[in-house]
Amino acid sequence: MSKIKMKVSNGIVYLSGQLDSKTDYEKVVTLVESTQGVKDVNVDDLSVKGSKQPLHDSYITAKVRGALIREDIMGRDILAWTLDIETKNGQVYLSGQVASVKEKALIMKVVKAVKGVQKINDKMTLSSNSANDSRD
């Protein structure tokens, strides 16, 4: 991973430098956003080597993942998540399986609170284990 700089002021983390890939960019933003006490992540001076495309949608996706980790809704292991998150033009697409109606509502609440999310396209379904669970 490339060298990046970080500065923190009043709960806002300012990242600067250049990363090797969009994947690295998303990992860094997700990690910072998932940290307790972080109010926002500023990436105005963070770029991806050789990328000409805007990173706004990647930024929102990473912030959503980080917020879900911070709120401990889906766990810390993103690869184990049954939830897929994509962002296109500020619209967040959520798909995959969730454990309960309560978990789905919590996910929606957290995603709505992420700065930059313009709309949510909810395609989440209840897992077969919870579909018959009337407690939620």
N, C-alpha and C. Protein backbone atom coordinates (compact mmCIF):
# COMPACT_ATOMS: atom_id res chain seq x y z
N MET A 1 0.85 -1.18 0.00
CA MET A 1 0.00 0.00 0.00
C MET A 1 0.89 1.24 0.00
N SER A 2 0.46 2.24 -0.67
CA SER A 2 1.21 3.49 -0.76
C SER A 2 1.19 4.25 0.56
N LYS A 3 2.07 5.21 0.66
CA LYS A 3 2.15 6.02 1.87
C LYS A 3 1.09 7.12 1.84
N ILE A 4 0.33 7.21 2.92
CA ILE A 4 -0.66 8.28 3.04
C ILE A 4 -0.44 8.99 4.37
N LYS A 5 -0.91 10.20 4.42
CA LYS A 5 -0.81 10.99 5.65
C LYS A 5 -2.20 11.15 6.23
N MET A 6 -2.24 11.27 7.56
CA MET A 6 -3.51 11.43 8.25
C MET A 6 -3.37 12.53 9.30
N LYS A 7 -4.37 13.39 9.34
CA LYS A 7 -4.44 14.44 10.35
C LYS A 7 -5.85 14.40 10.94
N VAL A 8 -5.96 14.60 12.23
CA VAL A 8 -7.27 14.57 12.89
C VAL A 8 -7.51 15.91 13.56
N SER A 9 -8.70 16.46 13.33
CA SER A 9 -9.09 17.72 13.96
C SER A 9 -10.57 17.68 14.28
N ASN A 10 -10.91 17.77 15.56
CA ASN A 10 -12.30 17.77 16.01
C ASN A 10 -13.09 16.57 15.49
N GLY A 11 -12.49 15.41 15.49
CA GLY A 11 -13.18 14.19 15.07
C GLY A 11 -13.21 13.97 13.57
N ILE A 12 -12.67 14.90 12.80
CA ILE A 12 -12.63 14.75 11.35
C ILE A 12 -11.22 14.29 10.96
N VAL A 13 -11.16 13.20 10.21
CA VAL A 13 -9.88 12.65 9.78
C VAL A 13 -9.61 13.12 8.35
N TYR A 14 -8.48 13.78 8.17
CA TYR A 14 -8.07 14.28 6.86
C TYR A 14 -7.01 13.34 6.30
N LEU A 15 -7.30 12.72 5.16
CA LEU A 15 -6.36 11.81 4.52
C LEU A 15 -5.77 12.47 3.29
N SER A 16 -4.46 12.28 3.09
CA SER A 16 -3.82 12.82 1.89
C SER A 16 -2.78 11.84 1.39
N GLY A 17 -2.51 11.91 0.10
CA GLY A 17 -1.53 11.03 -0.52
C GLY A 17 -2.14 10.33 -1.71
N GLN A 18 -1.43 9.30 -2.17
CA GLN A 18 -1.89 8.56 -3.34
C GLN A 18 -1.83 7.06 -3.06
N LEU A 19 -2.90 6.37 -3.41
CA LEU A 19 -2.98 4.93 -3.21
C LEU A 19 -2.83 4.22 -4.56
N ASP A 20 -2.47 2.94 -4.51
CA ASP A 20 -2.23 2.18 -5.73
C ASP A 20 -3.50 1.75 -6.45
N SER A 21 -4.60 1.58 -5.72
CA SER A 21 -5.82 1.07 -6.36
C SER A 21 -7.08 1.60 -5.67
N LYS A 22 -8.19 1.46 -6.38
CA LYS A 22 -9.49 1.83 -5.82
C LYS A 22 -9.82 0.94 -4.62
N THR A 23 -9.39 -0.32 -4.68
CA THR A 23 -9.60 -1.25 -3.56
C THR A 23 -8.89 -0.75 -2.31
N ASP A 24 -7.64 -0.31 -2.47
CA ASP A 24 -6.90 0.25 -1.32
C ASP A 24 -7.61 1.49 -0.78
N TYR A 25 -8.09 2.32 -1.68
CA TYR A 25 -8.81 3.54 -1.30
C TYR A 25 -10.02 3.19 -0.43
N GLU A 26 -10.82 2.22 -0.90
CA GLU A 26 -12.02 1.82 -0.15
C GLU A 26 -11.65 1.22 1.20
N LYS A 27 -10.58 0.41 1.25
CA LYS A 27 -10.15 -0.20 2.51
C LYS A 27 -9.75 0.87 3.53
N VAL A 28 -8.98 1.85 3.08
CA VAL A 28 -8.52 2.91 3.99
C VAL A 28 -9.70 3.71 4.53
N VAL A 29 -10.60 4.13 3.64
CA VAL A 29 -11.75 4.93 4.08
C VAL A 29 -12.65 4.10 5.00
N THR A 30 -12.87 2.83 4.68
CA THR A 30 -13.69 1.96 5.53
C THR A 30 -13.07 1.83 6.92
N LEU A 31 -11.77 1.59 6.97
CA LEU A 31 -11.08 1.45 8.26
C LEU A 31 -11.21 2.71 9.11
N VAL A 32 -10.96 3.85 8.51
CA VAL A 32 -11.03 5.11 9.26
C VAL A 32 -12.47 5.37 9.71
N GLU A 33 -13.43 5.20 8.81
CA GLU A 33 -14.84 5.45 9.13
C GLU A 33 -15.33 4.52 10.24
N SER A 34 -14.78 3.30 10.32
CA SER A 34 -15.25 2.33 11.32
C SER A 34 -14.72 2.62 12.72
N THR A 35 -13.81 3.56 12.84
CA THR A 35 -13.19 3.87 14.12
C THR A 35 -14.12 4.71 15.01
N GLN A 36 -14.31 4.25 16.24
CA GLN A 36 -15.15 4.99 17.19
C GLN A 36 -14.60 6.40 17.36
N GLY A 37 -15.49 7.37 17.40
CA GLY A 37 -15.09 8.76 17.62
C GLY A 37 -14.87 9.56 16.35
N VAL A 38 -14.76 8.88 15.21
CA VAL A 38 -14.59 9.59 13.94
C VAL A 38 -15.94 10.14 13.50
N LYS A 39 -15.99 11.45 13.28
CA LYS A 39 -17.22 12.10 12.84
C LYS A 39 -17.34 12.14 11.32
N ASP A 40 -16.20 12.27 10.63
CA ASP A 40 -16.21 12.33 9.17
C ASP A 40 -14.81 12.04 8.66
N VAL A 41 -14.74 11.70 7.38
CA VAL A 41 -13.47 11.44 6.71
C VAL A 41 -13.37 12.37 5.52
N ASN A 42 -12.30 13.16 5.48
CA ASN A 42 -12.08 14.09 4.37
C ASN A 42 -11.01 13.50 3.46
N VAL A 43 -11.38 13.30 2.18
CA VAL A 43 -10.46 12.68 1.21
C VAL A 43 -10.15 13.63 0.05
N ASP A 44 -10.32 14.92 0.27
CA ASP A 44 -10.07 15.89 -0.80
C ASP A 44 -8.66 15.78 -1.37
N ASP A 45 -7.69 15.37 -0.55
CA ASP A 45 -6.30 15.28 -1.00
C ASP A 45 -5.81 13.84 -1.11
N LEU A 46 -6.75 12.90 -1.24
CA LEU A 46 -6.40 11.49 -1.39
C LEU A 46 -6.79 11.04 -2.79
N SER A 47 -5.87 10.41 -3.50
CA SER A 47 -6.15 9.99 -4.87
C SER A 47 -5.68 8.56 -5.11
N VAL A 48 -6.07 8.03 -6.27
CA VAL A 48 -5.65 6.70 -6.69
C VAL A 48 -4.75 6.87 -7.91
N LYS A 49 -3.60 6.24 -7.86
CA LYS A 49 -2.60 6.34 -8.92
C LYS A 49 -3.21 5.98 -10.28
N GLY A 50 -3.08 6.89 -11.24
CA GLY A 50 -3.53 6.64 -12.61
C GLY A 50 -5.03 6.71 -12.83
N SER A 51 -5.80 7.01 -11.80
CA SER A 51 -7.26 7.05 -11.93
C SER A 51 -7.73 8.43 -12.38
N LYS A 52 -8.52 8.43 -13.43
CA LYS A 52 -9.10 9.68 -13.92
C LYS A 52 -10.57 9.79 -13.50
N GLN A 53 -11.14 8.66 -13.10
CA GLN A 53 -12.56 8.65 -12.73
C GLN A 53 -12.77 9.19 -11.32
N PRO A 54 -13.89 9.85 -11.10
CA PRO A 54 -14.20 10.36 -9.75
C PRO A 54 -14.36 9.19 -8.77
N LEU A 55 -13.95 9.41 -7.55
CA LEU A 55 -14.01 8.37 -6.53
C LEU A 55 -15.17 8.56 -5.56
N HIS A 56 -16.08 9.47 -5.88
CA HIS A 56 -17.17 9.80 -4.96
C HIS A 56 -18.00 8.57 -4.58
N ASP A 57 -18.36 7.74 -5.56
CA ASP A 57 -19.17 6.56 -5.25
C ASP A 57 -18.40 5.55 -4.41
N SER A 58 -17.11 5.38 -4.69
CA SER A 58 -16.27 4.49 -3.87
C SER A 58 -16.19 5.01 -2.44
N TYR A 59 -16.09 6.32 -2.31
CA TYR A 59 -16.03 6.97 -1.00
C TYR A 59 -17.31 6.68 -0.21
N ILE A 60 -18.46 6.84 -0.84
CA ILE A 60 -19.74 6.59 -0.14
C ILE A 60 -19.85 5.12 0.25
N THR A 61 -19.52 4.21 -0.66
CA THR A 61 -19.57 2.78 -0.35
C THR A 61 -18.68 2.46 0.86
N ALA A 62 -17.48 3.00 0.87
CA ALA A 62 -16.55 2.76 1.98
C ALA A 62 -17.08 3.35 3.28
N LYS A 63 -17.68 4.54 3.22
CA LYS A 63 -18.24 5.16 4.42
C LYS A 63 -19.40 4.33 4.96
N VAL A 64 -20.23 3.78 4.08
CA VAL A 64 -21.35 2.93 4.50
C VAL A 64 -20.80 1.68 5.20
N ARG A 65 -19.82 1.02 4.58
CA ARG A 65 -19.22 -0.17 5.21
C ARG A 65 -18.64 0.17 6.58
N GLY A 66 -17.90 1.26 6.64
CA GLY A 66 -17.30 1.67 7.90
C GLY A 66 -18.33 1.96 8.98
N ALA A 67 -19.42 2.62 8.59
CA ALA A 67 -20.48 2.93 9.55
C ALA A 67 -21.14 1.65 10.06
N LEU A 68 -21.35 0.67 9.18
CA LEU A 68 -21.94 -0.60 9.61
C LEU A 68 -21.00 -1.36 10.55
N ILE A 69 -19.70 -1.28 10.30
CA ILE A 69 -18.72 -1.91 11.20
C ILE A 69 -18.72 -1.19 12.55
N ARG A 70 -18.67 0.14 12.51
CA ARG A 70 -18.63 0.93 13.75
C ARG A 70 -19.85 0.65 14.62
N GLU A 71 -21.01 0.50 13.99
CA GLU A 71 -22.24 0.24 14.74
C GLU A 71 -22.40 -1.24 15.08
N ASP A 72 -21.45 -2.07 14.66
CA ASP A 72 -21.41 -3.50 14.95
C ASP A 72 -22.69 -4.22 14.52
N ILE A 73 -23.13 -3.92 13.31
CA ILE A 73 -24.35 -4.54 12.79
C ILE A 73 -24.03 -5.83 12.04
N MET A 74 -23.02 -5.80 11.17
CA MET A 74 -22.71 -6.95 10.32
C MET A 74 -21.42 -7.67 10.74
N GLY A 75 -20.76 -7.20 11.77
CA GLY A 75 -19.47 -7.77 12.17
C GLY A 75 -18.33 -7.07 11.44
N ARG A 76 -17.10 -7.38 11.82
CA ARG A 76 -15.93 -6.70 11.25
C ARG A 76 -15.40 -7.37 9.98
N ASP A 77 -15.74 -8.63 9.74
CA ASP A 77 -15.22 -9.36 8.59
C ASP A 77 -16.10 -9.13 7.37
N ILE A 78 -15.74 -8.13 6.58
CA ILE A 78 -16.54 -7.75 5.41
C ILE A 78 -16.71 -8.92 4.45
N LEU A 79 -15.68 -9.75 4.30
CA LEU A 79 -15.77 -10.88 3.37
C LEU A 79 -16.83 -11.89 3.79
N ALA A 80 -17.19 -11.92 5.07
CA ALA A 80 -18.20 -12.84 5.56
C ALA A 80 -19.62 -12.26 5.47
N TRP A 81 -19.71 -10.98 5.12
CA TRP A 81 -21.03 -10.35 5.03
C TRP A 81 -21.87 -10.99 3.93
N THR A 82 -23.16 -11.09 4.19
CA THR A 82 -24.10 -11.55 3.16
C THR A 82 -24.80 -10.35 2.53
N LEU A 83 -24.28 -9.18 2.80
CA LEU A 83 -24.84 -7.93 2.28
C LEU A 83 -23.87 -7.34 1.26
N ASP A 84 -24.38 -7.00 0.09
CA ASP A 84 -23.59 -6.34 -0.93
C ASP A 84 -23.97 -4.87 -0.96
N ILE A 85 -22.95 -4.02 -1.10
CA ILE A 85 -23.17 -2.57 -1.12
C ILE A 85 -22.49 -2.00 -2.36
N GLU A 86 -23.26 -1.30 -3.17
CA GLU A 86 -22.72 -0.62 -4.35
C GLU A 86 -23.29 0.78 -4.37
N THR A 87 -22.54 1.71 -4.91
CA THR A 87 -23.02 3.08 -5.03
C THR A 87 -22.84 3.56 -6.46
N LYS A 88 -23.89 4.14 -7.02
CA LYS A 88 -23.83 4.74 -8.36
C LYS A 88 -24.50 6.10 -8.29
N ASN A 89 -23.73 7.13 -8.61
CA ASN A 89 -24.24 8.50 -8.60
C ASN A 89 -24.90 8.88 -7.28
N GLY A 90 -24.31 8.45 -6.19
CA GLY A 90 -24.82 8.79 -4.87
C GLY A 90 -25.96 7.91 -4.37
N GLN A 91 -26.44 7.00 -5.24
CA GLN A 91 -27.51 6.09 -4.84
C GLN A 91 -26.88 4.78 -4.37
N VAL A 92 -27.21 4.37 -3.15
CA VAL A 92 -26.65 3.16 -2.57
C VAL A 92 -27.59 1.99 -2.83
N TYR A 93 -27.03 0.93 -3.39
CA TYR A 93 -27.77 -0.30 -3.68
C TYR A 93 -27.39 -1.34 -2.63
N LEU A 94 -28.38 -1.80 -1.88
CA LEU A 94 -28.17 -2.82 -0.85
C LEU A 94 -28.86 -4.10 -1.31
N SER A 95 -28.11 -5.20 -1.37
CA SER A 95 -28.70 -6.47 -1.76
C SER A 95 -28.05 -7.58 -0.93
N GLY A 96 -28.70 -8.72 -0.93
CA GLY A 96 -28.19 -9.85 -0.16
C GLY A 96 -29.13 -10.18 0.98
N GLN A 97 -28.68 -11.07 1.84
CA GLN A 97 -29.53 -11.55 2.93
C GLN A 97 -29.15 -10.93 4.26
N VAL A 98 -30.18 -10.64 5.04
CA VAL A 98 -29.99 -10.14 6.40
C VAL A 98 -30.68 -11.11 7.35
N ALA A 99 -30.27 -11.08 8.61
CA ALA A 99 -30.74 -12.07 9.59
C ALA A 99 -32.17 -11.83 10.07
N SER A 100 -32.61 -10.56 10.10
CA SER A 100 -33.93 -10.28 10.67
C SER A 100 -34.46 -8.94 10.17
N VAL A 101 -35.71 -8.71 10.43
CA VAL A 101 -36.33 -7.42 10.10
C VAL A 101 -35.65 -6.32 10.91
N LYS A 102 -35.32 -6.62 12.16
CA LYS A 102 -34.64 -5.65 13.02
C LYS A 102 -33.28 -5.27 12.43
N GLU A 103 -32.51 -6.27 11.98
CA GLU A 103 -31.20 -5.99 11.39
C GLU A 103 -31.35 -5.14 10.12
N LYS A 104 -32.34 -5.44 9.31
CA LYS A 104 -32.59 -4.68 8.09
C LYS A 104 -32.91 -3.22 8.42
N ALA A 105 -33.73 -3.01 9.43
CA ALA A 105 -34.09 -1.64 9.85
C ALA A 105 -32.86 -0.89 10.36
N LEU A 106 -32.01 -1.57 11.12
CA LEU A 106 -30.78 -0.94 11.62
C LEU A 106 -29.85 -0.55 10.47
N ILE A 107 -29.72 -1.44 9.49
CA ILE A 107 -28.88 -1.16 8.32
C ILE A 107 -29.41 0.07 7.60
N MET A 108 -30.71 0.12 7.37
CA MET A 108 -31.31 1.27 6.67
C MET A 108 -31.06 2.56 7.44
N LYS A 109 -31.21 2.51 8.76
CA LYS A 109 -31.00 3.70 9.60
C LYS A 109 -29.56 4.20 9.48
N VAL A 110 -28.60 3.28 9.56
CA VAL A 110 -27.19 3.66 9.48
C VAL A 110 -26.85 4.22 8.10
N VAL A 111 -27.32 3.56 7.05
CA VAL A 111 -27.01 4.01 5.69
C VAL A 111 -27.61 5.39 5.43
N LYS A 112 -28.84 5.62 5.87
CA LYS A 112 -29.48 6.93 5.68
C LYS A 112 -28.68 8.05 6.35
N ALA A 113 -27.98 7.73 7.43
CA ALA A 113 -27.24 8.74 8.19
C ALA A 113 -25.87 9.06 7.57
N VAL A 114 -25.43 8.28 6.59
CA VAL A 114 -24.12 8.51 5.97
C VAL A 114 -24.20 9.72 5.04
N LYS A 115 -23.31 10.66 5.29
CA LYS A 115 -23.25 11.88 4.50
C LYS A 115 -22.92 11.54 3.04
N GLY A 116 -23.73 12.07 2.13
CA GLY A 116 -23.50 11.85 0.70
C GLY A 116 -24.46 10.86 0.08
N VAL A 117 -25.15 10.06 0.91
CA VAL A 117 -26.12 9.11 0.37
C VAL A 117 -27.35 9.89 -0.07
N GLN A 118 -27.66 9.80 -1.36
CA GLN A 118 -28.80 10.54 -1.89
C GLN A 118 -30.08 9.71 -1.89
N LYS A 119 -29.93 8.41 -2.10
CA LYS A 119 -31.09 7.53 -2.17
C LYS A 119 -30.62 6.12 -1.85
N ILE A 120 -31.53 5.29 -1.34
CA ILE A 120 -31.20 3.89 -1.05
C ILE A 120 -32.12 3.00 -1.87
N ASN A 121 -31.52 2.07 -2.58
CA ASN A 121 -32.26 1.07 -3.34
C ASN A 121 -32.15 -0.23 -2.55
N ASP A 122 -33.20 -0.58 -1.85
CA ASP A 122 -33.20 -1.72 -0.93
C ASP A 122 -33.68 -2.99 -1.62
N LYS A 123 -32.75 -3.92 -1.82
CA LYS A 123 -33.08 -5.24 -2.38
C LYS A 123 -32.70 -6.34 -1.38
N MET A 124 -32.62 -5.97 -0.09
CA MET A 124 -32.26 -6.95 0.94
C MET A 124 -33.41 -7.92 1.17
N THR A 125 -33.06 -9.17 1.44
CA THR A 125 -34.06 -10.18 1.75
C THR A 125 -33.70 -10.82 3.09
N LEU A 126 -34.70 -11.41 3.72
CA LEU A 126 -34.47 -12.12 4.98
C LEU A 126 -33.90 -13.49 4.67
N SER A 127 -32.93 -13.92 5.46
CA SER A 127 -32.35 -15.25 5.26
C SER A 127 -33.42 -16.29 5.55
N SER A 128 -33.28 -17.45 4.95
CA SER A 128 -34.30 -18.49 5.11
C SER A 128 -34.47 -18.89 6.57
N ASN A 129 -33.42 -18.77 7.37
CA ASN A 129 -33.51 -19.10 8.79
C ASN A 129 -34.41 -18.13 9.55
N SER A 130 -34.46 -16.87 9.09
CA SER A 130 -35.23 -15.87 9.82
C SER A 130 -36.57 -15.56 9.19
N ALA A 131 -36.82 -16.03 7.99
CA ALA A 131 -38.06 -15.70 7.30
C ALA A 131 -39.28 -16.18 8.08
N ASN A 132 -39.12 -17.27 8.81
CA ASN A 132 -40.23 -17.82 9.58
C ASN A 132 -40.19 -17.40 11.04
N ASP A 133 -39.24 -16.55 11.39
CA ASP A 133 -39.07 -16.11 12.77
C ASP A 133 -39.99 -14.93 13.05
N SER A 134 -41.01 -15.13 13.82
CA SER A 134 -42.00 -14.06 14.07
C SER A 134 -41.60 -13.15 15.22
N ARG A 135 -40.47 -13.41 15.87
CA ARG A 135 -40.05 -12.57 16.99
C ARG A 135 -39.58 -11.20 16.53
N ASP A 136 -39.16 -11.02 15.27
CA ASP A 136 -38.62 -9.74 14.78
C ASP A 136 -39.70 -8.86 14.22
